[in-house]
Amino acid sequence: MSGDRPRNAICLGGPCHGMLTHIDQDIGTLTVPVPRRSPEEPGGVARYRITRERVHHPCRTEPFIALHWADPPEPVGLPCHCGLRH
């Protein structure tokens, strides 16, 4: 997805919230690699839905494409990746 290409999309919600990436498609869902907090942590991916929504940010003149988290939320009462119970 991102590589050396300019980042044109931002992840909203989920484990990649706020992460910038590059996408080449207009509709559908895609998988985004979840950033690891340590080298020992296993890699993972999260699904994000491409939307018509655009998000403006001062770092760029063109708005970012909004990618909304498409995976279901964790069941209530189970610990999340941050270690807290929600």
Foldseek 3Di string as FASTA:
>chain_A
DAPPDDFAAAEPDDQRHGPTGHDDDQFDKDWDWRDDPDPPDDIDIFIWTWDPDFADDPVDPGTHTYTYTDDDDDDAQDADPVRDGD
